[in-house]
Amino acid sequence: MRSYQDMVFATAMRLLANNAEAEDVAQEVFLRAYDRYAELRLSPTVGGWLKTVTRNLCLNHLQRYRARWRFFSEFGHGDDDRDDRVWDVPVEDKTVGEASAVDRKELLEQALQKLPASQRVPLVLYHYEDLSYEEIAERLHISLSKLKTDIHRGREALRRKLQIGVNREEFADEARTAAAP
């Protein structure tokens, strides 16, 4: 548990952006791991198993409590069926270029937590969990075009706040570095 608790909690926190909910999910993950201790104790893939269980429990949690959050594209729908509002995601007042690598990771995590769930969850699943668009759309029960829109809007919100051009490679490098023990 000590070896993987940070990874499990960080994964849950990225997806849920709520400390108490992330703690609850992490606790549930380790309860499930305890139930399967005999199978997992010598398994070389225990970290992957824990991460998958964490991701699935978070997605189940979000599905179960979907009434508490709405997809970004559902906000402010009027007769024209468009929403051109700009969402402001507040973070510390310094640019990523000025920040050290540790500060950059922290700023990225803070900005991610401030995003609406409809943007944060797809971004985390794509960039941190390396799932394909198709896998994410299937797990979230949304269309592929809606998923692409949510990811695009999430990247734009992060780009505005972090003042950098975020593409898959830059974001993936940040995610891998942040996830490394």
C-alpha atoms as a PDB file:
ATOM      1  CA  MET A   1       0.000   0.000   0.000  1.00  0.00           C
ATOM      2  CA  ARG A   2       2.761   2.440   0.910  1.00  0.00           C
ATOM      3  CA  SER A   3       4.419   1.892  -2.456  1.00  0.00           C
ATOM      4  CA  TYR A   4       1.322   2.764  -4.459  1.00  0.00           C
ATOM      5  CA  GLN A   5      -0.770   5.088  -2.290  1.00  0.00           C
ATOM      6  CA  ASP A   6       0.547   8.280  -3.910  1.00  0.00           C
ATOM      7  CA  MET A   7      -0.075   6.985  -7.429  1.00  0.00           C
ATOM      8  CA  VAL A   8      -3.599   5.811  -6.571  1.00  0.00           C
ATOM      9  CA  PHE A   9      -4.515   9.053  -4.834  1.00  0.00           C
ATOM     10  CA  ALA A  10      -3.003  11.234  -7.597  1.00  0.00           C
ATOM     11  CA  THR A  11      -4.944   9.334 -10.254  1.00  0.00           C
ATOM     12  CA  ALA A  12      -8.187   9.692  -8.303  1.00  0.00           C
ATOM     13  CA  MET A  13      -7.539  13.359  -7.593  1.00  0.00           C
ATOM     14  CA  ARG A  14      -6.881  14.151 -11.261  1.00  0.00           C
ATOM     15  CA  LEU A  15     -10.147  12.554 -12.299  1.00  0.00           C
ATOM     16  CA  LEU A  16     -12.361  13.702  -9.447  1.00  0.00           C
ATOM     17  CA  ALA A  17     -10.745  17.028  -8.426  1.00  0.00           C
ATOM     18  CA  ASN A  18     -12.158  16.575  -4.946  1.00  0.00           C
ATOM     19  CA  ASN A  19      -9.948  15.569  -2.031  1.00  0.00           C
ATOM     20  CA  ALA A  20     -12.614  13.742  -0.013  1.00  0.00           C
ATOM     21  CA  GLU A  21     -13.929  11.812  -3.016  1.00  0.00           C
ATOM     22  CA  ALA A  22     -10.388  10.906  -4.093  1.00  0.00           C
ATOM     23  CA  GLU A  23      -9.646   9.615  -0.582  1.00  0.00           C
ATOM     24  CA  ASP A  24     -12.829   7.524  -0.642  1.00  0.00           C
ATOM     25  CA  VAL A  25     -11.928   6.019  -4.007  1.00  0.00           C
ATOM     26  CA  ALA A  26      -8.341   5.337  -2.888  1.00  0.00           C
ATOM     27  CA  GLN A  27      -9.651   3.581   0.201  1.00  0.00           C
ATOM     28  CA  GLU A  28     -11.982   1.464  -1.935  1.00  0.00           C
ATOM     29  CA  VAL A  29      -9.109   0.570  -4.283  1.00  0.00           C
ATOM     30  CA  PHE A  30      -6.994  -0.696  -1.410  1.00  0.00           C
ATOM     31  CA  LEU A  31      -9.922  -2.604   0.078  1.00  0.00           C
ATOM     32  CA  ARG A  32     -10.296  -4.396  -3.255  1.00  0.00           C
ATOM     33  CA  ALA A  33      -6.560  -5.006  -3.371  1.00  0.00           C
ATOM     34  CA  TYR A  34      -6.716  -6.467   0.142  1.00  0.00           C
ATOM     35  CA  ASP A  35      -9.485  -8.834  -0.977  1.00  0.00           C
ATOM     36  CA  ARG A  36      -7.164 -10.042  -3.767  1.00  0.00           C
ATOM     37  CA  TYR A  37      -3.929  -9.902  -1.807  1.00  0.00           C
ATOM     38  CA  ALA A  38      -3.064 -13.540  -2.508  1.00  0.00           C
ATOM     39  CA  GLU A  39      -3.219 -12.893  -6.268  1.00  0.00           C
ATOM     40  CA  LEU A  40      -1.526  -9.491  -6.211  1.00  0.00           C
ATOM     41  CA  ARG A  41       1.258  -9.768  -3.670  1.00  0.00           C
ATOM     42  CA  LEU A  42       3.809 -11.247  -6.080  1.00  0.00           C
ATOM     43  CA  SER A  43       2.332  -9.883  -9.301  1.00  0.00           C
ATOM     44  CA  PRO A  44       4.653  -7.682 -11.359  1.00  0.00           C
ATOM     45  CA  THR A  45       1.597  -5.846 -12.720  1.00  0.00           C
ATOM     46  CA  VAL A  46       0.086  -4.783  -9.405  1.00  0.00           C
ATOM     47  CA  GLY A  47       0.698  -1.090 -10.168  1.00  0.00           C
ATOM     48  CA  GLY A  48      -1.178  -1.314 -13.446  1.00  0.00           C
ATOM     49  CA  TRP A  49      -3.990  -3.233 -11.763  1.00  0.00           C
ATOM     50  CA  LEU A  50      -4.293  -0.594  -9.046  1.00  0.00           C
ATOM     51  CA  LYS A  51      -4.285   2.240 -11.596  1.00  0.00           C
ATOM     52  CA  THR A  52      -6.961   0.533 -13.705  1.00  0.00           C
ATOM     53  CA  VAL A  53      -9.158  -0.123 -10.665  1.00  0.00           C
ATOM     54  CA  THR A  54      -8.687   3.492  -9.562  1.00  0.00           C
ATOM     55  CA  ARG A  55      -9.624   4.836 -12.985  1.00  0.00           C
ATOM     56  CA  ASN A  56     -12.674   2.570 -13.230  1.00  0.00           C
ATOM     57  CA  LEU A  57     -13.908   3.445  -9.732  1.00  0.00           C
ATOM     58  CA  CYS A  58     -13.518   7.160 -10.495  1.00  0.00           C
ATOM     59  CA  LEU A  59     -15.436   6.833 -13.748  1.00  0.00           C
ATOM     60  CA  ASN A  60     -18.139   4.821 -11.973  1.00  0.00           C
ATOM     61  CA  HIS A  61     -18.322   7.513  -9.307  1.00  0.00           C
ATOM     62  CA  LEU A  62     -18.695  10.243 -11.916  1.00  0.00           C
ATOM     63  CA  GLN A  63     -21.360   8.254 -13.753  1.00  0.00           C
ATOM     64  CA  ARG A  64     -23.263   7.619 -10.538  1.00  0.00           C
ATOM     65  CA  TYR A  65     -23.230  11.284  -9.580  1.00  0.00           C
ATOM     66  CA  ARG A  66     -23.594  12.733 -13.059  1.00  0.00           C
ATOM     67  CA  ALA A  67     -26.526  14.866 -11.870  1.00  0.00           C
ATOM     68  CA  ARG A  68     -24.003  16.881  -9.844  1.00  0.00           C
ATOM     69  CA  TRP A  69     -22.092  17.914 -12.956  1.00  0.00           C
ATOM     70  CA  ARG A  70     -23.039  18.634 -16.521  1.00  0.00           C
ATOM     71  CA  PHE A  71     -21.032  18.443 -19.660  1.00  0.00           C
ATOM     72  CA  PHE A  72     -19.436  21.694 -20.764  1.00  0.00           C
ATOM     73  CA  SER A  73     -21.379  21.752 -24.004  1.00  0.00           C
ATOM     74  CA  GLU A  74     -24.661  21.525 -22.104  1.00  0.00           C
ATOM     75  CA  PHE A  75     -24.101  24.852 -20.321  1.00  0.00           C
ATOM     76  CA  GLY A  76     -26.009  27.824 -21.638  1.00  0.00           C
ATOM     77  CA  HIS A  77     -27.665  26.145 -24.602  1.00  0.00           C
ATOM     78  CA  GLY A  78     -29.998  28.600 -26.195  1.00  0.00           C
ATOM     79  CA  ASP A  79     -31.885  28.573 -29.454  1.00  0.00           C
ATOM     80  CA  ASP A  80     -28.705  28.699 -31.528  1.00  0.00           C
ATOM     81  CA  ASP A  81     -27.283  25.590 -29.766  1.00  0.00           C
ATOM     82  CA  ARG A  82     -23.850  27.244 -29.345  1.00  0.00           C
ATOM     83  CA  ASP A  83     -21.916  28.346 -26.317  1.00  0.00           C
ATOM     84  CA  ASP A  84     -19.075  30.756 -27.015  1.00  0.00           C
ATOM     85  CA  ARG A  85     -18.366  31.647 -23.395  1.00  0.00           C
ATOM     86  CA  VAL A  86     -14.789  31.635 -22.213  1.00  0.00           C
ATOM     87  CA  TRP A  87     -14.243  29.779 -18.959  1.00  0.00           C
ATOM     88  CA  ASP A  88     -11.705  31.328 -16.611  1.00  0.00           C
ATOM     89  CA  VAL A  89      -9.588  28.839 -14.675  1.00  0.00           C
ATOM     90  CA  PRO A  90      -7.717  30.730 -11.937  1.00  0.00           C
ATOM     91  CA  VAL A  91      -4.228  29.612 -10.915  1.00  0.00           C
ATOM     92  CA  GLU A  92      -1.214  31.338  -9.403  1.00  0.00           C
ATOM     93  CA  ASP A  93      -0.188  34.562 -11.102  1.00  0.00           C
ATOM     94  CA  LYS A  94       3.017  33.459 -12.799  1.00  0.00           C
ATOM     95  CA  THR A  95       3.710  32.089 -16.224  1.00  0.00           C
ATOM     96  CA  VAL A  96       4.813  28.538 -16.818  1.00  0.00           C
ATOM     97  CA  GLY A  97       7.926  29.806 -18.567  1.00  0.00           C
ATOM     98  CA  GLU A  98       9.072  31.457 -15.330  1.00  0.00           C
ATOM     99  CA  ALA A  99       8.320  28.480 -13.165  1.00  0.00           C
ATOM    100  CA  SER A 100      10.626  25.629 -12.300  1.00  0.00           C
ATOM    101  CA  ALA A 101       9.750  22.108 -13.446  1.00  0.00           C
ATOM    102  CA  VAL A 102       8.206  21.308 -10.060  1.00  0.00           C
ATOM    103  CA  ASP A 103       6.205  24.530 -10.111  1.00  0.00           C
ATOM    104  CA  ARG A 104       5.056  23.802 -13.658  1.00  0.00           C
ATOM    105  CA  LYS A 105       3.712  20.396 -12.620  1.00  0.00           C
ATOM    106  CA  GLU A 106       1.975  21.958  -9.649  1.00  0.00           C
ATOM    107  CA  LEU A 107       0.465  24.716 -11.805  1.00  0.00           C
ATOM    108  CA  LEU A 108      -0.722  22.121 -14.300  1.00  0.00           C
ATOM    109  CA  GLU A 109      -2.341  20.053 -11.534  1.00  0.00           C
ATOM    110  CA  GLN A 110      -4.018  23.162 -10.099  1.00  0.00           C
ATOM    111  CA  ALA A 111      -5.323  24.217 -13.498  1.00  0.00           C
ATOM    112  CA  LEU A 112      -6.615  20.698 -14.193  1.00  0.00           C
ATOM    113  CA  GLN A 113      -8.485  20.631 -10.883  1.00  0.00           C
ATOM    114  CA  LYS A 114     -10.186  23.920 -11.743  1.00  0.00           C
ATOM    115  CA  LEU A 115     -11.557  22.631 -15.049  1.00  0.00           C
ATOM    116  CA  PRO A 116     -15.141  21.418 -15.239  1.00  0.00           C
ATOM    117  CA  ALA A 117     -15.361  17.625 -15.017  1.00  0.00           C
ATOM    118  CA  SER A 118     -16.478  17.399 -18.632  1.00  0.00           C
ATOM    119  CA  GLN A 119     -13.093  18.791 -19.706  1.00  0.00           C
ATOM    120  CA  ARG A 120     -10.859  17.476 -16.911  1.00  0.00           C
ATOM    121  CA  VAL A 121     -11.899  13.821 -17.091  1.00  0.00           C
ATOM    122  CA  PRO A 122     -11.349  13.390 -20.853  1.00  0.00           C
ATOM    123  CA  LEU A 123      -8.024  15.281 -20.665  1.00  0.00           C
ATOM    124  CA  VAL A 124      -6.764  13.105 -17.819  1.00  0.00           C
ATOM    125  CA  LEU A 125      -7.893   9.899 -19.492  1.00  0.00           C
ATOM    126  CA  TYR A 126      -6.247  10.887 -22.761  1.00  0.00           C
ATOM    127  CA  HIS A 127      -3.012  12.460 -21.543  1.00  0.00           C
ATOM    128  CA  TYR A 128      -2.361  10.722 -18.227  1.00  0.00           C
ATOM    129  CA  GLU A 129      -4.013   7.353 -18.772  1.00  0.00           C
ATOM    130  CA  ASP A 130      -3.109   7.090 -22.498  1.00  0.00           C
ATOM    131  CA  LEU A 131      -6.574   5.925 -23.531  1.00  0.00           C
ATOM    132  CA  SER A 132      -7.692   6.416 -27.132  1.00  0.00           C
ATOM    133  CA  TYR A 133     -10.539   8.749 -28.061  1.00  0.00           C
ATOM    134  CA  GLU A 134     -12.726   5.741 -28.801  1.00  0.00           C
ATOM    135  CA  GLU A 135     -12.033   4.124 -25.413  1.00  0.00           C
ATOM    136  CA  ILE A 136     -12.756   7.367 -23.571  1.00  0.00           C
ATOM    137  CA  ALA A 137     -15.988   8.039 -25.483  1.00  0.00           C
ATOM    138  CA  GLU A 138     -17.151   4.501 -24.738  1.00  0.00           C
ATOM    139  CA  ARG A 139     -16.320   4.721 -21.027  1.00  0.00           C
ATOM    140  CA  LEU A 140     -17.946   8.129 -20.624  1.00  0.00           C
ATOM    141  CA  HIS A 141     -20.945   7.166 -22.779  1.00  0.00           C
ATOM    142  CA  ILE A 142     -20.595  10.203 -25.021  1.00  0.00           C
ATOM    143  CA  SER A 143     -20.144  10.640 -28.742  1.00  0.00           C
ATOM    144  CA  LEU A 144     -16.684  10.837 -30.266  1.00  0.00           C
ATOM    145  CA  SER A 145     -17.342  14.354 -31.565  1.00  0.00           C
ATOM    146  CA  LYS A 146     -18.437  15.561 -28.114  1.00  0.00           C
ATOM    147  CA  LEU A 147     -15.324  14.031 -26.592  1.00  0.00           C
ATOM    148  CA  LYS A 148     -13.069  15.766 -29.112  1.00  0.00           C
ATOM    149  CA  THR A 149     -14.845  19.061 -28.429  1.00  0.00           C
ATOM    150  CA  ASP A 150     -14.445  18.671 -24.665  1.00  0.00           C
ATOM    151  CA  ILE A 151     -10.750  17.802 -24.986  1.00  0.00           C
ATOM    152  CA  HIS A 152     -10.190  20.749 -27.322  1.00  0.00           C
ATOM    153  CA  ARG A 153     -11.967  23.152 -24.969  1.00  0.00           C
ATOM    154  CA  GLY A 154     -10.040  21.764 -21.993  1.00  0.00           C
ATOM    155  CA  ARG A 155      -6.722  22.234 -23.786  1.00  0.00           C
ATOM    156  CA  GLU A 156      -7.675  25.787 -24.723  1.00  0.00           C
ATOM    157  CA  ALA A 157      -8.602  26.604 -21.125  1.00  0.00           C
ATOM    158  CA  LEU A 158      -5.271  25.190 -19.923  1.00  0.00           C
ATOM    159  CA  ARG A 159      -3.365  26.980 -22.678  1.00  0.00           C
ATOM    160  CA  ARG A 160      -4.880  30.329 -21.735  1.00  0.00           C
ATOM    161  CA  LYS A 161      -4.076  29.861 -18.082  1.00  0.00           C
ATOM    162  CA  LEU A 162      -0.648  28.363 -18.431  1.00  0.00           C
ATOM    163  CA  GLN A 163       0.292  30.557 -21.406  1.00  0.00           C
ATOM    164  CA  ILE A 164       1.894  27.736 -23.323  1.00  0.00           C
ATOM    165  CA  GLY A 165       1.041  25.835 -26.462  1.00  0.00           C
ATOM    166  CA  VAL A 166      -0.118  22.484 -25.183  1.00  0.00           C
ATOM    167  CA  ASN A 167       0.042  19.634 -27.627  1.00  0.00           C
ATOM    168  CA  ARG A 168      -0.131  15.898 -26.957  1.00  0.00           C
ATOM    169  CA  GLU A 169       3.649  15.468 -26.696  1.00  0.00           C
ATOM    170  CA  GLU A 170       4.237  18.347 -24.267  1.00  0.00           C
ATOM    171  CA  PHE A 171       1.262  17.356 -22.146  1.00  0.00           C
ATOM    172  CA  ALA A 172       2.195  13.680 -22.187  1.00  0.00           C
ATOM    173  CA  ASP A 173       5.766  14.522 -21.119  1.00  0.00           C
ATOM    174  CA  GLU A 174       4.396  16.561 -18.213  1.00  0.00           C
ATOM    175  CA  ALA A 175       2.002  13.762 -17.293  1.00  0.00           C
ATOM    176  CA  ARG A 176       4.680  11.069 -17.365  1.00  0.00           C
ATOM    177  CA  THR A 177       7.070  13.192 -15.319  1.00  0.00           C
ATOM    178  CA  ALA A 178       4.352  14.052 -12.789  1.00  0.00           C
ATOM    179  CA  ALA A 179       3.259  10.404 -12.500  1.00  0.00           C
ATOM    180  CA  ALA A 180       6.793   9.080 -12.004  1.00  0.00           C
ATOM    181  CA  PRO A 181       7.490   7.954  -8.400  1.00  0.00           C
END
